[in-house]
Every structure is written in C-alpha cells, then in structure tokens.
Protein backbone atom coordinates (compact mmCIF):
# COMPACT_ATOMS: atom_id res chain seq x y z
CA UNK A 1 19.00 11.72 124.10
CA UNK A 2 16.59 13.94 122.22
CA UNK A 3 14.92 16.77 123.97
CA UNK A 4 11.15 17.05 124.48
CA UNK A 5 10.95 19.70 121.75
CA UNK A 6 12.63 17.39 119.23
CA UNK A 7 10.11 14.59 119.92
CA UNK A 8 7.25 17.05 119.50
CA UNK A 9 8.48 18.13 116.05
CA UNK A 10 9.05 14.53 115.00
CA UNK A 11 5.47 13.58 115.99
CA UNK A 12 4.08 16.52 114.03
CA UNK A 13 5.89 15.43 110.85
CA UNK A 14 4.70 11.85 111.26
CA UNK A 15 1.06 12.99 111.56
CA UNK A 16 1.44 15.31 108.55
CA UNK A 17 2.88 12.53 106.41
CA UNK A 18 0.10 10.17 107.49
CA UNK A 19 -2.57 12.70 106.62
CA UNK A 20 -0.96 13.25 103.23
CA UNK A 21 -0.99 9.52 102.60
CA UNK A 22 -4.68 9.31 103.49
CA UNK A 23 -5.50 12.17 101.09
CA UNK A 24 -3.48 10.54 98.32
CA UNK A 25 -5.36 7.28 98.84
CA UNK A 26 -8.79 8.90 98.34
CA UNK A 27 -10.49 8.15 95.01
CA UNK A 28 -11.64 10.72 92.43
CA UNK A 29 -15.15 11.98 93.03
CA UNK A 30 -17.84 14.40 91.79
CA UNK A 31 -17.99 17.03 94.49
CA UNK A 32 -20.91 19.26 93.45
CA UNK A 33 -24.49 18.69 92.30
CA UNK A 34 -25.31 19.29 88.64
CA UNK A 35 -27.64 22.26 88.27
CA UNK A 36 -30.37 21.60 85.67
CA UNK A 37 -31.01 23.83 82.66
CA UNK A 38 -34.40 25.00 81.33
CA UNK A 39 -34.21 26.53 77.87
CA UNK A 40 -36.29 27.15 74.78
CA UNK A 41 -35.78 25.46 71.43
CA UNK A 42 -32.80 26.94 69.58
CA UNK A 43 -31.01 28.21 72.68
CA UNK A 44 -27.79 26.93 74.32
CA UNK A 45 -27.68 24.76 77.48
CA UNK A 46 -24.71 24.27 79.82
CA UNK A 47 -24.29 21.55 82.46
CA UNK A 48 -21.38 21.62 84.96
CA UNK A 49 -19.72 18.56 86.49
CA UNK A 50 -17.07 19.45 89.10
CA UNK A 51 -14.59 16.70 90.03
CA UNK A 52 -11.69 16.42 92.46
CA UNK A 53 -8.70 14.16 93.07
CA UNK A 54 -8.43 13.02 89.48
CA UNK A 55 -5.69 10.45 88.97
CA UNK A 56 -4.08 8.74 86.05
CA UNK A 57 -6.62 6.45 84.37
CA UNK A 58 -9.66 8.46 85.59
CA UNK A 59 -11.74 10.04 82.80
CA UNK A 60 -14.87 12.21 82.99
CA UNK A 61 -17.76 11.15 80.74
CA UNK A 62 -21.04 12.80 79.81
CA UNK A 63 -23.87 10.40 78.96
CA UNK A 64 -27.33 11.24 77.56
CA UNK A 65 -29.91 8.96 79.15
CA UNK A 66 -31.80 8.49 75.89
CA UNK A 67 -35.06 6.49 76.16
CA UNK A 68 -33.71 4.33 73.33
CA UNK A 69 -30.51 3.63 75.28
CA UNK A 70 -27.58 5.43 76.90
CA UNK A 71 -25.54 7.56 74.50
CA UNK A 72 -21.96 8.54 75.42
CA UNK A 73 -21.53 12.17 74.37
CA UNK A 74 -17.97 12.79 75.54
CA UNK A 75 -14.92 11.17 77.06
CA UNK A 76 -12.60 13.68 78.64
CA UNK A 77 -12.72 16.63 76.22
CA UNK A 78 -13.39 14.50 73.15
CA UNK A 79 -16.91 14.43 71.65
CA UNK A 80 -18.03 10.89 70.80
CA UNK A 81 -21.09 11.64 68.63
CA UNK A 82 -21.66 13.37 65.28
CA UNK A 83 -20.84 17.01 65.93
CA UNK A 84 -22.08 19.35 63.22
CA UNK A 85 -20.68 22.86 62.87
CA UNK A 86 -23.03 25.67 61.78
CA UNK A 87 -21.92 29.27 61.68
CA UNK A 88 -18.69 28.27 63.38
CA UNK A 89 -20.56 26.82 66.38
CA UNK A 90 -20.48 23.09 67.21
CA UNK A 91 -23.51 21.15 68.38
CA UNK A 92 -21.51 19.80 71.36
CA UNK A 93 -18.46 21.07 73.19
CA UNK A 94 -16.61 20.29 76.44
CA UNK A 95 -15.02 23.20 78.31
CA UNK A 96 -12.83 22.76 81.42
CA UNK A 97 -12.22 25.20 84.27
CA UNK A 98 -9.74 24.84 87.13
CA UNK A 99 -10.57 26.10 90.60
CA UNK A 100 -8.39 28.80 92.13
CA UNK A 101 -6.78 26.28 94.46
CA UNK A 102 -6.22 23.90 91.54
CA UNK A 103 -7.66 20.86 93.30
CA UNK A 104 -10.96 20.84 91.39
CA UNK A 105 -11.84 20.79 87.69
CA UNK A 106 -15.23 21.56 86.14
CA UNK A 107 -16.18 19.76 82.93
CA UNK A 108 -18.86 21.85 81.25
CA UNK A 109 -21.08 20.21 78.62
CA UNK A 110 -22.28 22.83 76.11
CA UNK A 111 -25.15 21.95 73.75
CA UNK A 112 -25.98 24.54 71.10
CA UNK A 113 -29.14 24.96 68.99
CA UNK A 114 -31.33 22.93 71.32
CA UNK A 115 -33.94 20.70 69.74
CA UNK A 116 -36.92 18.95 71.37
CA UNK A 117 -35.13 15.59 71.23
CA UNK A 118 -32.41 16.96 73.55
CA UNK A 119 -34.93 17.04 76.38
CA UNK A 120 -33.93 14.54 79.11
CA UNK A 121 -31.42 13.47 81.76
CA UNK A 122 -27.64 13.82 81.43
CA UNK A 123 -25.23 11.81 83.58
CA UNK A 124 -21.68 12.78 84.49
CA UNK A 125 -19.49 9.85 85.54
CA UNK A 126 -15.82 9.22 86.25
CA UNK A 127 -14.55 6.04 84.63
CA UNK A 128 -11.62 4.56 86.55
CA UNK A 129 -9.24 1.85 85.44
CA UNK A 130 -9.40 -1.22 87.63
CA UNK A 131 -12.70 -0.19 89.25
CA UNK A 132 -16.00 -1.89 88.45
CA UNK A 133 -18.37 0.35 86.44
CA UNK A 134 -21.07 0.17 89.11
CA UNK A 135 -18.58 1.72 91.55
CA UNK A 136 -17.80 4.75 89.40
CA UNK A 137 -18.87 8.14 90.80
CA UNK A 138 -22.03 9.40 89.03
CA UNK A 139 -24.35 12.39 89.22
CA UNK A 140 -27.29 13.33 87.02
CA UNK A 141 -28.69 16.63 85.81
CA UNK A 142 -31.34 17.37 83.25
CA UNK A 143 -32.17 19.70 80.38
CA UNK A 144 -35.76 20.75 79.79
CA UNK A 145 -36.26 22.10 76.29
CA UNK A 146 -39.34 24.29 76.18
CA UNK A 147 -41.14 23.99 72.86
CA UNK A 148 -44.00 26.07 71.51
CA UNK A 149 -47.07 23.97 70.63
CA UNK A 150 -47.45 22.42 67.19
CA UNK A 151 -50.50 20.69 65.73
CA UNK A 152 -50.28 17.06 64.69
CA UNK A 153 -52.08 17.11 61.33
CA UNK A 154 -52.45 13.33 61.03
CA UNK A 155 -54.55 13.03 64.19
CA UNK A 156 -56.33 16.42 64.02
CA UNK A 157 -59.67 16.85 62.26
CA UNK A 158 -59.87 19.43 59.47
CA UNK A 159 -63.22 18.45 57.90
CA UNK A 160 -66.15 16.65 59.49
CA UNK A 161 -69.25 15.66 57.51
CA UNK A 162 -72.24 14.63 59.63
CA UNK A 163 -75.76 13.40 59.12
CA UNK A 164 -78.43 15.36 60.91
CA UNK A 165 -79.11 13.85 64.35
CA UNK A 166 -75.86 11.85 64.47
CA UNK A 167 -73.20 11.88 67.22
CA UNK A 168 -69.54 12.57 66.58
CA UNK A 169 -66.58 14.63 67.82
CA UNK A 170 -63.76 16.92 66.73
CA UNK A 171 -60.19 16.02 67.70
CA UNK A 172 -57.29 18.46 68.05
CA UNK A 173 -53.92 16.87 68.77
CA UNK A 174 -50.90 19.02 69.68
CA UNK A 175 -47.42 18.54 71.13
CA UNK A 176 -45.16 20.89 73.06
CA UNK A 177 -43.08 21.21 76.24
CA UNK A 178 -44.74 21.57 78.63
CA UNK A 179 -47.83 19.77 77.36
CA UNK A 180 -50.18 22.33 75.77
CA UNK A 181 -53.73 23.09 76.87
CA UNK A 182 -56.29 22.87 74.06
CA UNK A 183 -59.28 25.22 73.75
CA UNK A 184 -62.16 24.99 71.24
CA UNK A 185 -64.18 27.98 69.98
CA UNK A 186 -66.25 28.78 66.90
CA UNK A 187 -64.71 31.18 64.40
CA UNK A 188 -68.05 32.93 63.86
CA UNK A 189 -68.49 33.56 67.60
CA UNK A 190 -71.53 31.30 67.91
CA UNK A 191 -72.01 28.75 70.70
CA UNK A 192 -70.45 25.31 70.51
CA UNK A 193 -72.63 22.19 70.27
CA UNK A 194 -72.52 21.91 74.09
CA UNK A 195 -74.17 25.34 74.38
CA UNK A 196 -71.03 27.08 75.67
CA UNK A 197 -68.69 29.58 74.05
CA UNK A 198 -65.48 27.71 75.05
CA UNK A 199 -64.56 24.06 75.53
CA UNK A 200 -61.26 22.92 77.01
CA UNK A 201 -59.95 19.53 76.01
CA UNK A 202 -58.50 17.55 73.14
CA UNK A 203 -61.86 16.14 71.97
CA UNK A 204 -64.94 18.30 71.39
CA UNK A 205 -68.11 16.15 71.53
CA UNK A 206 -70.95 16.72 69.07
CA UNK A 207 -74.24 15.10 70.04
CA UNK A 208 -77.43 15.04 67.98
CA UNK A 209 -75.94 17.07 65.13
CA UNK A 210 -78.06 19.94 63.93
CA UNK A 211 -77.80 22.26 60.93
CA UNK A 212 -76.84 25.12 63.26
CA UNK A 213 -73.67 23.19 64.16
CA UNK A 214 -72.37 23.69 60.63
CA UNK A 215 -69.50 26.13 60.45
CA UNK A 216 -65.83 26.72 61.10
CA UNK A 217 -64.35 25.60 64.44
CA UNK A 218 -61.00 26.65 65.86
CA UNK A 219 -58.77 24.81 68.31
CA UNK A 220 -55.96 26.70 70.07
CA UNK A 221 -53.04 24.88 71.72
CA UNK A 222 -51.14 26.97 74.28
CA UNK A 223 -48.45 26.20 76.87
CA UNK A 224 -47.27 29.78 77.61
CA UNK A 225 -44.48 29.39 75.02
CA UNK A 226 -45.24 31.74 72.15
CA UNK A 227 -46.72 31.46 69.65
CA UNK A 228 -49.74 29.24 70.32
CA UNK A 229 -50.77 26.77 67.63
CA UNK A 230 -54.10 27.11 65.82
CA UNK A 231 -56.02 24.63 63.70
CA UNK A 232 -59.34 25.06 61.88
CA UNK A 233 -61.98 22.38 61.35
CA UNK A 234 -64.95 22.72 59.01
CA UNK A 235 -68.16 20.96 60.06
CA UNK A 236 -70.88 20.15 57.53
CA UNK A 237 -74.26 18.87 58.67
CA UNK A 238 -76.40 17.51 55.81
CA UNK A 239 -79.75 19.23 55.36
CA UNK A 240 -82.52 19.20 52.80
CA UNK A 241 -82.72 22.32 50.61
CA UNK A 242 -84.75 25.38 51.55
CA UNK A 243 -85.54 28.38 49.37
CA UNK A 244 -86.92 31.86 49.90
CA UNK A 245 -87.39 34.89 47.67
CA UNK A 246 -86.30 38.41 48.49
CA UNK A 247 -89.21 40.25 46.81
CA UNK A 248 -92.78 39.23 46.24
CA UNK A 249 -92.90 41.18 43.00
CA UNK A 250 -90.65 43.12 40.67
CA UNK A 251 -91.96 45.75 38.22
CA UNK A 252 -90.43 47.28 35.13
CA UNK A 253 -91.47 49.03 31.87
CA UNK A 254 -91.69 46.90 28.72
CA UNK A 255 -89.68 49.15 26.47
CA UNK A 256 -86.93 46.77 25.39
CA UNK A 257 -84.16 48.80 27.06
CA UNK A 258 -84.60 48.44 30.85
CA UNK A 259 -83.53 45.58 33.14
CA UNK A 260 -85.29 43.65 35.88
CA UNK A 261 -83.88 41.21 38.42
CA UNK A 262 -85.44 38.37 40.41
CA UNK A 263 -83.66 36.99 43.52
CA UNK A 264 -83.98 33.83 45.58
CA UNK A 265 -81.84 32.46 48.40
CA UNK A 266 -81.13 28.74 48.70
CA UNK A 267 -79.65 26.83 51.63
CA UNK A 268 -78.72 23.16 51.85
CA UNK A 269 -75.89 20.68 52.14
CA UNK A 270 -74.57 19.14 49.98
CA UNK A 271 -74.83 22.22 47.77
CA UNK A 272 -78.07 22.12 45.75
CA UNK A 273 -78.21 22.85 42.04
CA UNK A 274 -80.56 25.66 41.04
CA UNK A 275 -82.36 26.39 37.79
CA UNK A 276 -84.86 28.96 36.61
CA UNK A 277 -87.92 27.56 34.82
CA UNK A 278 -90.72 29.30 32.92
CA UNK A 279 -94.09 27.66 33.61
CA UNK A 280 -96.44 27.89 30.62
CA UNK A 281 -99.46 25.88 31.68
CA UNK A 282 -98.34 22.25 31.82
CA UNK A 283 -95.16 23.10 29.93
CA UNK A 284 -91.88 23.88 31.73
CA UNK A 285 -89.00 25.61 29.97
CA UNK A 286 -85.59 25.93 31.64
CA UNK A 287 -84.04 29.36 31.16
CA UNK A 288 -80.36 29.62 30.35
CA UNK A 289 -78.01 32.54 29.87
CA UNK A 290 -78.56 34.39 26.62
CA UNK A 291 -78.63 37.91 25.28
CA UNK A 292 -81.90 38.44 27.18
CA UNK A 293 -81.37 36.46 30.37
CA UNK A 294 -78.42 36.09 32.71
CA UNK A 295 -78.11 34.23 36.03
CA UNK A 296 -75.82 35.18 38.89
CA UNK A 297 -74.71 33.29 41.98
CA UNK A 298 -73.24 34.48 45.27
CA UNK A 299 -72.18 32.16 48.10
CA UNK A 300 -72.93 33.47 51.57
CA UNK A 301 -71.92 32.20 55.06
CA UNK A 302 -73.54 29.01 56.34
CA UNK A 303 -74.02 27.67 52.79
CA UNK A 304 -76.58 30.26 51.78
CA UNK A 305 -76.51 30.80 48.05
CA UNK A 306 -78.03 33.90 46.53
CA UNK A 307 -79.26 33.42 42.96
CA UNK A 308 -80.22 36.30 40.73
CA UNK A 309 -82.00 36.12 37.41
CA UNK A 310 -81.45 39.26 35.38
CA UNK A 311 -83.67 40.20 32.48
CA UNK A 312 -81.33 42.26 30.35
CA UNK A 313 -84.14 43.10 27.92
CA UNK A 314 -87.69 43.57 29.21
CA UNK A 315 -90.26 43.35 26.43
CA UNK A 316 -93.95 42.56 26.12
CA UNK A 317 -93.28 38.92 25.15
CA UNK A 318 -92.17 37.97 28.68
CA UNK A 319 -95.12 36.08 30.06
CA UNK A 320 -96.34 33.23 32.23
CA UNK A 321 -94.58 31.89 35.36
CA UNK A 322 -90.91 31.45 36.25
CA UNK A 323 -89.84 28.99 38.91
CA UNK A 324 -86.65 29.18 41.08
CA UNK A 325 -86.23 25.48 41.63
CA UNK A 326 -83.38 23.74 43.35
CA UNK A 327 -82.37 20.11 43.10
CA UNK A 328 -80.10 18.74 45.84
CA UNK A 329 -77.49 16.13 45.14
CA UNK A 330 -78.50 13.82 47.95
CA UNK A 331 -82.09 14.66 48.81
CA UNK A 332 -85.29 14.02 46.86
CA UNK A 333 -87.15 16.95 48.33
CA UNK A 334 -87.13 20.32 46.64
CA UNK A 335 -88.48 23.82 47.25
CA UNK A 336 -90.10 26.38 44.98
CA UNK A 337 -90.30 30.13 45.52
CA UNK A 338 -92.44 32.55 43.56
CA UNK A 339 -91.86 36.17 42.61
CA UNK A 340 -93.86 38.20 40.11
CA UNK A 341 -92.36 40.45 37.48
CA UNK A 342 -94.92 42.81 36.11
CA UNK A 343 -94.26 44.39 32.73
CA UNK A 344 -96.67 47.31 32.24
CA UNK A 345 -97.19 49.96 29.60
CA UNK A 346 -96.56 53.59 30.32
CA UNK A 347 -96.43 56.57 28.00
CA UNK A 348 -93.08 58.39 28.15
CA UNK A 349 -92.40 61.64 26.28
CA UNK A 350 -90.34 61.04 23.15
CA UNK A 351 -87.69 63.58 24.15
CA UNK A 352 -86.60 61.09 26.86
CA UNK A 353 -85.90 58.54 24.15
CA UNK A 354 -88.17 55.81 25.61
CA UNK A 355 -91.61 54.63 24.57
CA UNK A 356 -94.02 52.19 26.19
CA UNK A 357 -94.95 48.81 24.75
CA UNK A 358 -98.67 49.36 24.94
CA UNK A 359 -99.28 46.05 26.81
CA UNK A 360 -99.21 44.66 30.31
CA UNK A 361 -97.87 41.13 30.95
CA UNK A 362 -97.02 39.25 34.16
CA UNK A 363 -94.17 36.94 35.06
CA UNK A 364 -94.41 34.96 38.27
CA UNK A 365 -91.36 33.35 39.86
C-alpha cells in the first residue's frame, strides 16, 4: 500500500501531464498587436507580427489590402511579388526573430524605398492546414506614406482668358499625403478678385471680370511635408486699347546731327499693333524704320507697351503732324496721342562744329 506522500507525487505528475496536453492542443496564434508605421516617401517601413505555438503546416503570411484586391506579399520567409534590388537593397524582405524563451517568433515585413502606392493596410495571418480560411488568426496594421504635395497639371489652370464683365474661376488641383491645403495669392502683391490678399481653397472664383484682374496668380499647396508645390496661372482680361504720351512736346535743333525722341504708352489686350503716321493735311503717311527714323518697343507689366520714335537726323524738312496710332486685333476702337517736336534755328559758334538750319518747323504727334 502506497504511502500518502507517494499518492501526492503521483497526483502532481498527472496534473502536469494534463496541463502539458492542454498546451500542446492550443492552436497557433498572433499574440501581439501590429504597430503601424508613418514614414515619408523613399524611407523604409517595418511591420512586426509576433506569433506563438506554431506547428507543422502553419505558415505566416503578409497580405497588402490593395483597393484593387488583396495581394499576398510573403509566405513564410519567401516573397511572392516582384522584388527589385537597387543598391543591394530589396524592395521587400522578411526577417524573423526568436524570443528569449523561444516560444515566440516575430515575422518582420521590411519595405524599402516607400512609394505613395504603398500607403494602406497590411494583414498578417497564419494559414493552417485543415482549418477553414475564415478561422485563421489575423491582425492588421497600416503604413502611412507621407508625400509632399504635387500639382496635377491636367486639372490645374495655367492660362485664363476672360471677357470684361464675365464670371469664371481658377482651379488648382494638388495631391499629397496628408491632403494638401491650397492657398491663392497674386504674384504682384495686389488684391485678389474677391478683394482679399489670400484665398484658401481649390477653386478661386472670379466674378464680373475687370481689367485690374489681369496678372499672374499663384497657388501654393502645402501639407507640412516639404517642399510645398507651387503653380502659376496667367489671367488675361480683354480690354480696348488706350494710349497716352509721356511729353507734350519735344524740342531739338535742326542741324542734321542731333536726335529727338517721341514716346507713347499703349495698353490693351489682345496686344494692339502700333504705327507712327505723319499727318499732312488730308494725307497720312506711315513712318517706317530708315536711316532717319527708328521705332523702339518695350513691354511693361500689365500689358503696357512703351513705344519710342527716334529721329536719328533732325533737319528742317521734318514738318506737319505725326500720329501714334494703335490698332487692336479684336476691337474696332482706337486711340490717338499727340506730341509736338519743335525744330528751331539757333546760331552756334563754328568752333563747336554745329550750325543752325535757319528755319523753324513743327512736328505734332
């Protein structure tokens, strides 16, 4: 007959064996949550899936929950997708780490050179032979790929041509992660059509277009990821031509050696054509570049054009009236400005090498 101590030891071994059997009957499982990763484009992301009680026939899989459909990235340590190698570094890699006690294994999914399309959810699952797929252990983590803003050129305005008094808008379309904020300003520092210096939003409204709305507009897309994206849009508002002269009169000696210049400034859109005309009673004679006359043109901001007419030889035969006349491409109206060039005689000592013409003539522009 066994003693009390013998029965006590026997009961202990029975309980220990039973506990061991229960442990051995437990299925494989994912024992820790998957910590998400937030990285910028071009960096490396790592997701950890820690499993325990792995048995024969149980395999760890990583799956990308692509909007177009699930994509199996790995099975065990084997990569199942195209895996490019650049600079000795693979796009995808599976690393495994054993716990100190040896009862747990971490399957680490490493994705190098992150691209915007890698943004999304990643599922770790344990496939088990003889177990229905909907019963497999699963846990999900995610990768957020931060992307600096970029402008979508196809849906962003670069040039806008408007009729005076019309209504329209400027559109600036940008992408990025997180979604960028869009701000409109004018490059010349002037106020926007809404009367404010800044407008926030994808679409900048333009109501009752006016000539003063013409100019260069800038949209800035920013989501705190540097650098911000910038796009420029040129706005043209059609206007009839206007003209003004810089001087009411220009004087010079008629000695055949000195120069005189007449200037007028023209504004209009589309760009007007300009010509200089001599008015001789009912007759009109268009002046062109020659050895005695030369025209110059300088484009200024806001479609101002400065036209100069240079008399390279001032003599007593210059007479009558000259007309700075502009002809727009779309408008029938035109403007005329007048300037006078007075050619007068003056006696100059011969030792200066210049003599007067002995006459006084007038040229009006």
